[in-house]
């Protein structure tokens, strides 16, 4: 689970892309919904911030079932 914006100058996009290329399932979190369609189009999972415990649990469950 990676927050896209690390600080005002850095993002975790490159790290997420490297992890995905290594076969790691990545869920990006962002409060910017414009990121959602672009990242899903690249095969990433996405969760809108702020998110609830239930939403996080549901998303993690979906990702784990896809990986099994």
PDB file of N, CA and C in Angstrom:
ATOM      1  N   UNK A   1       0.862  -1.170   0.000  1.00  0.00           N
ATOM      2  CA  UNK A   1       0.000   0.000   0.000  1.00  0.00           C
ATOM      3  C   UNK A   1       0.899   1.220   0.000  1.00  0.00           C
ATOM      4  N   UNK A   2       0.809   2.005  -1.059  1.00  0.00           N
ATOM      5  CA  UNK A   2       1.661   3.188  -1.202  1.00  0.00           C
ATOM      6  C   UNK A   2       0.808   4.436  -1.365  1.00  0.00           C
ATOM      7  N   UNK A   3       1.134   5.456  -0.607  1.00  0.00           N
ATOM      8  CA  UNK A   3       0.535   6.767  -0.820  1.00  0.00           C
ATOM      9  C   UNK A   3       1.275   7.383  -2.004  1.00  0.00           C
ATOM     10  N   UNK A   4       0.551   7.934  -2.958  1.00  0.00           N
ATOM     11  CA  UNK A   4       1.203   8.469  -4.154  1.00  0.00           C
ATOM     12  C   UNK A   4       2.124   9.638  -3.822  1.00  0.00           C
ATOM     13  N   UNK A   5       1.620  10.610  -3.093  1.00  0.00           N
ATOM     14  CA  UNK A   5       2.419  11.799  -2.791  1.00  0.00           C
ATOM     15  C   UNK A   5       3.151  11.616  -1.474  1.00  0.00           C
ATOM     16  N   UNK A   6       4.468  11.469  -1.574  1.00  0.00           N
ATOM     17  CA  UNK A   6       5.303  11.283  -0.400  1.00  0.00           C
ATOM     18  C   UNK A   6       5.506  12.623   0.295  1.00  0.00           C
ATOM     19  N   UNK A   7       5.818  13.627  -0.470  1.00  0.00           N
ATOM     20  CA  UNK A   7       5.922  14.997   0.013  1.00  0.00           C
ATOM     21  C   UNK A   7       5.655  15.910  -1.177  1.00  0.00           C
ATOM     22  N   UNK A   8       5.951  17.172  -1.062  1.00  0.00           N
ATOM     23  CA  UNK A   8       5.630  18.110  -2.142  1.00  0.00           C
ATOM     24  C   UNK A   8       6.509  17.937  -3.376  1.00  0.00           C
ATOM     25  N   UNK A   9       7.579  17.149  -3.251  1.00  0.00           N
ATOM     26  CA  UNK A   9       8.500  16.981  -4.373  1.00  0.00           C
ATOM     27  C   UNK A   9       8.604  15.546  -4.871  1.00  0.00           C
ATOM     28  N   UNK A  10       8.144  14.564  -4.097  1.00  0.00           N
ATOM     29  CA  UNK A  10       8.343  13.164  -4.458  1.00  0.00           C
ATOM     30  C   UNK A  10       7.025  12.403  -4.493  1.00  0.00           C
ATOM     31  N   UNK A  11       6.990  11.413  -5.377  1.00  0.00           N
ATOM     32  CA  UNK A  11       5.858  10.490  -5.409  1.00  0.00           C
ATOM     33  C   UNK A  11       6.401   9.065  -5.299  1.00  0.00           C
ATOM     34  N   UNK A  12       5.495   8.126  -5.089  1.00  0.00           N
ATOM     35  CA  UNK A  12       5.898   6.720  -4.994  1.00  0.00           C
ATOM     36  C   UNK A  12       5.601   5.958  -6.288  1.00  0.00           C
ATOM     37  N   UNK A  13       5.286   6.666  -7.367  1.00  0.00           N
ATOM     38  CA  UNK A  13       4.911   6.021  -8.624  1.00  0.00           C
ATOM     39  C   UNK A  13       6.027   5.125  -9.175  1.00  0.00           C
ATOM     40  N   UNK A  14       7.241   5.620  -9.186  1.00  0.00           N
ATOM     41  CA  UNK A  14       8.349   4.824  -9.721  1.00  0.00           C
ATOM     42  C   UNK A  14       8.572   3.566  -8.872  1.00  0.00           C
ATOM     43  N   UNK A  15       8.507   3.701  -7.562  1.00  0.00           N
ATOM     44  CA  UNK A  15       8.648   2.545  -6.681  1.00  0.00           C
ATOM     45  C   UNK A  15       7.536   1.534  -6.963  1.00  0.00           C
ATOM     46  N   UNK A  16       6.302   2.001  -7.104  1.00  0.00           N
ATOM     47  CA  UNK A  16       5.187   1.120  -7.400  1.00  0.00           C
ATOM     48  C   UNK A  16       5.359   0.387  -8.715  1.00  0.00           C
ATOM     49  N   UNK A  17       5.863   1.081  -9.723  1.00  0.00           N
ATOM     50  CA  UNK A  17       6.086   0.453 -11.021  1.00  0.00           C
ATOM     51  C   UNK A  17       7.161  -0.622 -10.937  1.00  0.00           C
ATOM     52  N   UNK A  18       8.227  -0.361 -10.183  1.00  0.00           N
ATOM     53  CA  UNK A  18       9.280  -1.372 -10.010  1.00  0.00           C
ATOM     54  C   UNK A  18       8.748  -2.581  -9.254  1.00  0.00           C
ATOM     55  N   UNK A  19       7.965  -2.328  -8.205  1.00  0.00           N
ATOM     56  CA  UNK A  19       7.403  -3.432  -7.432  1.00  0.00           C
ATOM     57  C   UNK A  19       6.480  -4.281  -8.300  1.00  0.00           C
ATOM     58  N   UNK A  20       5.637  -3.632  -9.097  1.00  0.00           N
ATOM     59  CA  UNK A  20       4.713  -4.355  -9.972  1.00  0.00           C
ATOM     60  C   UNK A  20       5.481  -5.203 -10.977  1.00  0.00           C
ATOM     61  N   UNK A  21       6.565  -4.653 -11.523  1.00  0.00           N
ATOM     62  CA  UNK A  21       7.356  -5.420 -12.497  1.00  0.00           C
ATOM     63  C   UNK A  21       8.031  -6.627 -11.841  1.00  0.00           C
ATOM     64  N   UNK A  22       8.203  -6.580 -10.527  1.00  0.00           N
ATOM     65  CA  UNK A  22       8.754  -7.719  -9.774  1.00  0.00           C
ATOM     66  C   UNK A  22       7.664  -8.679  -9.310  1.00  0.00           C
ATOM     67  N   UNK A  23       6.420  -8.418  -9.710  1.00  0.00           N
ATOM     68  CA  UNK A  23       5.319  -9.313  -9.363  1.00  0.00           C
ATOM     69  C   UNK A  23       4.613  -9.004  -8.060  1.00  0.00           C
ATOM     70  N   UNK A  24       4.895  -7.847  -7.473  1.00  0.00           N
ATOM     71  CA  UNK A  24       4.272  -7.458  -6.218  1.00  0.00           C
ATOM     72  C   UNK A  24       2.971  -6.716  -6.511  1.00  0.00           C
ATOM     73  N   UNK A  25       1.899  -7.107  -5.833  1.00  0.00           N
ATOM     74  CA  UNK A  25       0.636  -6.397  -5.963  1.00  0.00           C
ATOM     75  C   UNK A  25       0.771  -5.058  -5.244  1.00  0.00           C
ATOM     76  N   UNK A  26       0.391  -3.977  -5.911  1.00  0.00           N
ATOM     77  CA  UNK A  26       0.517  -2.635  -5.350  1.00  0.00           C
ATOM     78  C   UNK A  26      -0.856  -1.980  -5.314  1.00  0.00           C
ATOM     79  N   UNK A  27      -1.169  -1.392  -4.183  1.00  0.00           N
ATOM     80  CA  UNK A  27      -2.372  -0.577  -4.046  1.00  0.00           C
ATOM     81  C   UNK A  27      -1.892   0.844  -3.800  1.00  0.00           C
ATOM     82  N   UNK A  28      -2.272   1.755  -4.674  1.00  0.00           N
ATOM     83  CA  UNK A  28      -1.956   3.162  -4.468  1.00  0.00           C
ATOM     84  C   UNK A  28      -3.104   3.819  -3.736  1.00  0.00           C
ATOM     85  N   UNK A  29      -2.780   4.739  -2.844  1.00  0.00           N
ATOM     86  CA  UNK A  29      -3.771   5.534  -2.129  1.00  0.00           C
ATOM     87  C   UNK A  29      -3.549   6.993  -2.494  1.00  0.00           C
ATOM     88  N   UNK A  30      -4.657   7.696  -2.756  1.00  0.00           N
ATOM     89  CA  UNK A  30      -4.546   9.111  -3.095  1.00  0.00           C
ATOM     90  C   UNK A  30      -5.872   9.806  -2.844  1.00  0.00           C
ATOM     91  N   UNK A  31      -5.790  11.058  -2.493  1.00  0.00           N
ATOM     92  CA  UNK A  31      -6.974  11.890  -2.373  1.00  0.00           C
ATOM     93  C   UNK A  31      -7.305  12.573  -3.688  1.00  0.00           C
ATOM     94  N   UNK A  32      -6.495  12.339  -4.713  1.00  0.00           N
ATOM     95  CA  UNK A  32      -6.706  12.940  -6.029  1.00  0.00           C
ATOM     96  C   UNK A  32      -7.323  11.892  -6.949  1.00  0.00           C
ATOM     97  N   UNK A  33      -8.621  11.978  -7.161  1.00  0.00           N
ATOM     98  CA  UNK A  33      -9.316  10.954  -7.944  1.00  0.00           C
ATOM     99  C   UNK A  33      -8.877  10.925  -9.406  1.00  0.00           C
ATOM    100  N   UNK A  34      -8.214  11.966  -9.883  1.00  0.00           N
ATOM    101  CA  UNK A  34      -7.710  11.968 -11.257  1.00  0.00           C
ATOM    102  C   UNK A  34      -6.648  10.888 -11.442  1.00  0.00           C
ATOM    103  N   UNK A  35      -5.970  10.526 -10.365  1.00  0.00           N
ATOM    104  CA  UNK A  35      -4.954   9.469 -10.430  1.00  0.00           C
ATOM    105  C   UNK A  35      -5.583   8.100 -10.648  1.00  0.00           C
ATOM    106  N   UNK A  36      -6.823   7.920 -10.206  1.00  0.00           N
ATOM    107  CA  UNK A  36      -7.474   6.618 -10.188  1.00  0.00           C
ATOM    108  C   UNK A  36      -7.532   5.966 -11.560  1.00  0.00           C
ATOM    109  N   UNK A  37      -8.132   6.611 -12.540  1.00  0.00           N
ATOM    110  CA  UNK A  37      -8.306   6.014 -13.866  1.00  0.00           C
ATOM    111  C   UNK A  37      -6.957   5.705 -14.514  1.00  0.00           C
ATOM    112  N   UNK A  38      -6.020   6.609 -14.377  1.00  0.00           N
ATOM    113  CA  UNK A  38      -4.697   6.422 -14.986  1.00  0.00           C
ATOM    114  C   UNK A  38      -4.005   5.196 -14.378  1.00  0.00           C
ATOM    115  N   UNK A  39      -4.033   5.075 -13.065  1.00  0.00           N
ATOM    116  CA  UNK A  39      -3.356   3.963 -12.409  1.00  0.00           C
ATOM    117  C   UNK A  39      -4.062   2.638 -12.655  1.00  0.00           C
ATOM    118  N   UNK A  40      -5.370   2.637 -12.612  1.00  0.00           N
ATOM    119  CA  UNK A  40      -6.106   1.396 -12.912  1.00  0.00           C
ATOM    120  C   UNK A  40      -5.849   0.968 -14.345  1.00  0.00           C
ATOM    121  N   UNK A  41      -5.721   1.932 -15.252  1.00  0.00           N
ATOM    122  CA  UNK A  41      -5.402   1.628 -16.640  1.00  0.00           C
ATOM    123  C   UNK A  41      -4.033   0.984 -16.793  1.00  0.00           C
ATOM    124  N   UNK A  42      -3.160   1.219 -15.835  1.00  0.00           N
ATOM    125  CA  UNK A  42      -1.818   0.624 -15.841  1.00  0.00           C
ATOM    126  C   UNK A  42      -1.778  -0.679 -15.044  1.00  0.00           C
ATOM    127  N   UNK A  43      -2.951  -1.131 -14.571  1.00  0.00           N
ATOM    128  CA  UNK A  43      -3.019  -2.407 -13.870  1.00  0.00           C
ATOM    129  C   UNK A  43      -2.789  -2.336 -12.370  1.00  0.00           C
ATOM    130  N   UNK A  44      -2.818  -1.138 -11.807  1.00  0.00           N
ATOM    131  CA  UNK A  44      -2.649  -0.986 -10.368  1.00  0.00           C
ATOM    132  C   UNK A  44      -4.002  -0.979  -9.676  1.00  0.00           C
ATOM    133  N   UNK A  45      -3.987  -1.334  -8.405  1.00  0.00           N
ATOM    134  CA  UNK A  45      -5.162  -1.187  -7.562  1.00  0.00           C
ATOM    135  C   UNK A  45      -5.115   0.222  -6.982  1.00  0.00           C
ATOM    136  N   UNK A  46      -6.276   0.746  -6.616  1.00  0.00           N
ATOM    137  CA  UNK A  46      -6.341   2.123  -6.149  1.00  0.00           C
ATOM    138  C   UNK A  46      -7.380   2.238  -5.052  1.00  0.00           C
ATOM    139  N   UNK A  47      -7.086   3.051  -4.057  1.00  0.00           N
ATOM    140  CA  UNK A  47      -8.032   3.331  -2.985  1.00  0.00           C
ATOM    141  C   UNK A  47      -8.045   4.837  -2.741  1.00  0.00           C
ATOM    142  N   UNK A  48      -9.256   5.401  -2.698  1.00  0.00           N
ATOM    143  CA  UNK A  48      -9.416   6.841  -2.462  1.00  0.00           C
ATOM    144  C   UNK A  48      -9.187   7.179  -1.001  1.00  0.00           C
ATOM    145  N   UNK A  49      -8.493   8.278  -0.766  1.00  0.00           N
ATOM    146  CA  UNK A  49      -8.320   8.787   0.590  1.00  0.00           C
ATOM    147  C   UNK A  49      -9.321   9.912   0.819  1.00  0.00           C
ATOM    148  N   UNK A  50      -9.809  10.096   1.980  1.00  0.00           N
ATOM    149  CA  UNK A  50      -9.621   9.215   3.130  1.00  0.00           C
ATOM    150  C   UNK A  50     -10.444   7.943   2.954  1.00  0.00           C
ATOM    151  N   UNK A  51      -9.967   6.851   3.502  1.00  0.00           N
ATOM    152  CA  UNK A  51     -10.685   5.582   3.377  1.00  0.00           C
ATOM    153  C   UNK A  51     -10.958   5.021   4.768  1.00  0.00           C
ATOM    154  N   UNK A  52     -11.995   4.220   4.828  1.00  0.00           N
ATOM    155  CA  UNK A  52     -12.386   3.606   6.096  1.00  0.00           C
ATOM    156  C   UNK A  52     -11.651   2.284   6.286  1.00  0.00           C
ATOM    157  N   UNK A  53     -11.694   1.791   7.487  1.00  0.00           N
ATOM    158  CA  UNK A  53     -11.118   0.480   7.789  1.00  0.00           C
ATOM    159  C   UNK A  53     -11.790  -0.582   6.928  1.00  0.00           C
ATOM    160  N   UNK A  54     -13.118  -0.478   6.770  1.00  0.00           N
ATOM    161  CA  UNK A  54     -13.866  -1.454   5.969  1.00  0.00           C
ATOM    162  C   UNK A  54     -13.435  -1.420   4.509  1.00  0.00           C
ATOM    163  N   UNK A  55     -13.233  -0.237   3.951  1.00  0.00           N
ATOM    164  CA  UNK A  55     -12.797  -0.118   2.554  1.00  0.00           C
ATOM    165  C   UNK A  55     -11.398  -0.690   2.384  1.00  0.00           C
ATOM    166  N   UNK A  56     -10.508  -0.412   3.314  1.00  0.00           N
ATOM    167  CA  UNK A  56      -9.154  -0.950   3.247  1.00  0.00           C
ATOM    168  C   UNK A  56      -9.188  -2.472   3.326  1.00  0.00           C
ATOM    169  N   UNK A  57      -9.974  -3.008   4.246  1.00  0.00           N
ATOM    170  CA  UNK A  57     -10.087  -4.457   4.397  1.00  0.00           C
ATOM    171  C   UNK A  57     -10.635  -5.093   3.130  1.00  0.00           C
ATOM    172  N   UNK A  58     -11.658  -4.496   2.544  1.00  0.00           N
ATOM    173  CA  UNK A  58     -12.254  -5.026   1.309  1.00  0.00           C
ATOM    174  C   UNK A  58     -11.244  -5.020   0.163  1.00  0.00           C
ATOM    175  N   UNK A  59     -10.520  -3.930   0.018  1.00  0.00           N
ATOM    176  CA  UNK A  59      -9.531  -3.825  -1.061  1.00  0.00           C
ATOM    177  C   UNK A  59      -8.399  -4.841  -0.868  1.00  0.00           C
ATOM    178  N   UNK A  60      -7.892  -4.958   0.347  1.00  0.00           N
ATOM    179  CA  UNK A  60      -6.842  -5.933   0.613  1.00  0.00           C
ATOM    180  C   UNK A  60      -7.317  -7.356   0.358  1.00  0.00           C
ATOM    181  N   UNK A  61      -8.545  -7.646   0.748  1.00  0.00           N
ATOM    182  CA  UNK A  61      -9.107  -8.979   0.509  1.00  0.00           C
ATOM    183  C   UNK A  61      -9.197  -9.281  -0.979  1.00  0.00           C
ATOM    184  N   UNK A  62      -9.659  -8.310  -1.770  1.00  0.00           N
ATOM    185  CA  UNK A  62      -9.753  -8.493  -3.215  1.00  0.00           C
ATOM    186  C   UNK A  62      -8.387  -8.764  -3.826  1.00  0.00           C
ATOM    187  N   UNK A  63      -7.395  -7.996  -3.428  1.00  0.00           N
ATOM    188  CA  UNK A  63      -6.039  -8.152  -3.971  1.00  0.00           C
ATOM    189  C   UNK A  63      -5.467  -9.510  -3.583  1.00  0.00           C
ATOM    190  N   UNK A  64      -5.655  -9.915  -2.339  1.00  0.00           N
ATOM    191  CA  UNK A  64      -5.148 -11.217  -1.910  1.00  0.00           C
ATOM    192  C   UNK A  64      -5.808 -12.364  -2.642  1.00  0.00           C
ATOM    193  N   UNK A  65      -7.102 -12.273  -2.917  1.00  0.00           N
ATOM    194  CA  UNK A  65      -7.791 -13.326  -3.651  1.00  0.00           C
ATOM    195  C   UNK A  65      -7.335 -13.384  -5.106  1.00  0.00           C
ATOM    196  N   UNK A  66      -6.998 -12.240  -5.691  1.00  0.00           N
ATOM    197  CA  UNK A  66      -6.501 -12.218  -7.068  1.00  0.00           C
ATOM    198  C   UNK A  66      -5.112 -12.830  -7.144  1.00  0.00           C
ATOM    199  N   UNK A  67      -4.342 -12.712  -6.073  1.00  0.00           N
ATOM    200  CA  UNK A  67      -2.969 -13.216  -6.048  1.00  0.00           C
ATOM    201  C   UNK A  67      -2.918 -14.712  -5.801  1.00  0.00           C
ATOM    202  N   UNK A  68      -3.987 -15.269  -5.235  1.00  0.00           N
ATOM    203  CA  UNK A  68      -3.981 -16.690  -4.861  1.00  0.00           C
ATOM    204  C   UNK A  68      -4.120 -17.596  -6.056  1.00  0.00           C
TER     205      UNK A  68
END
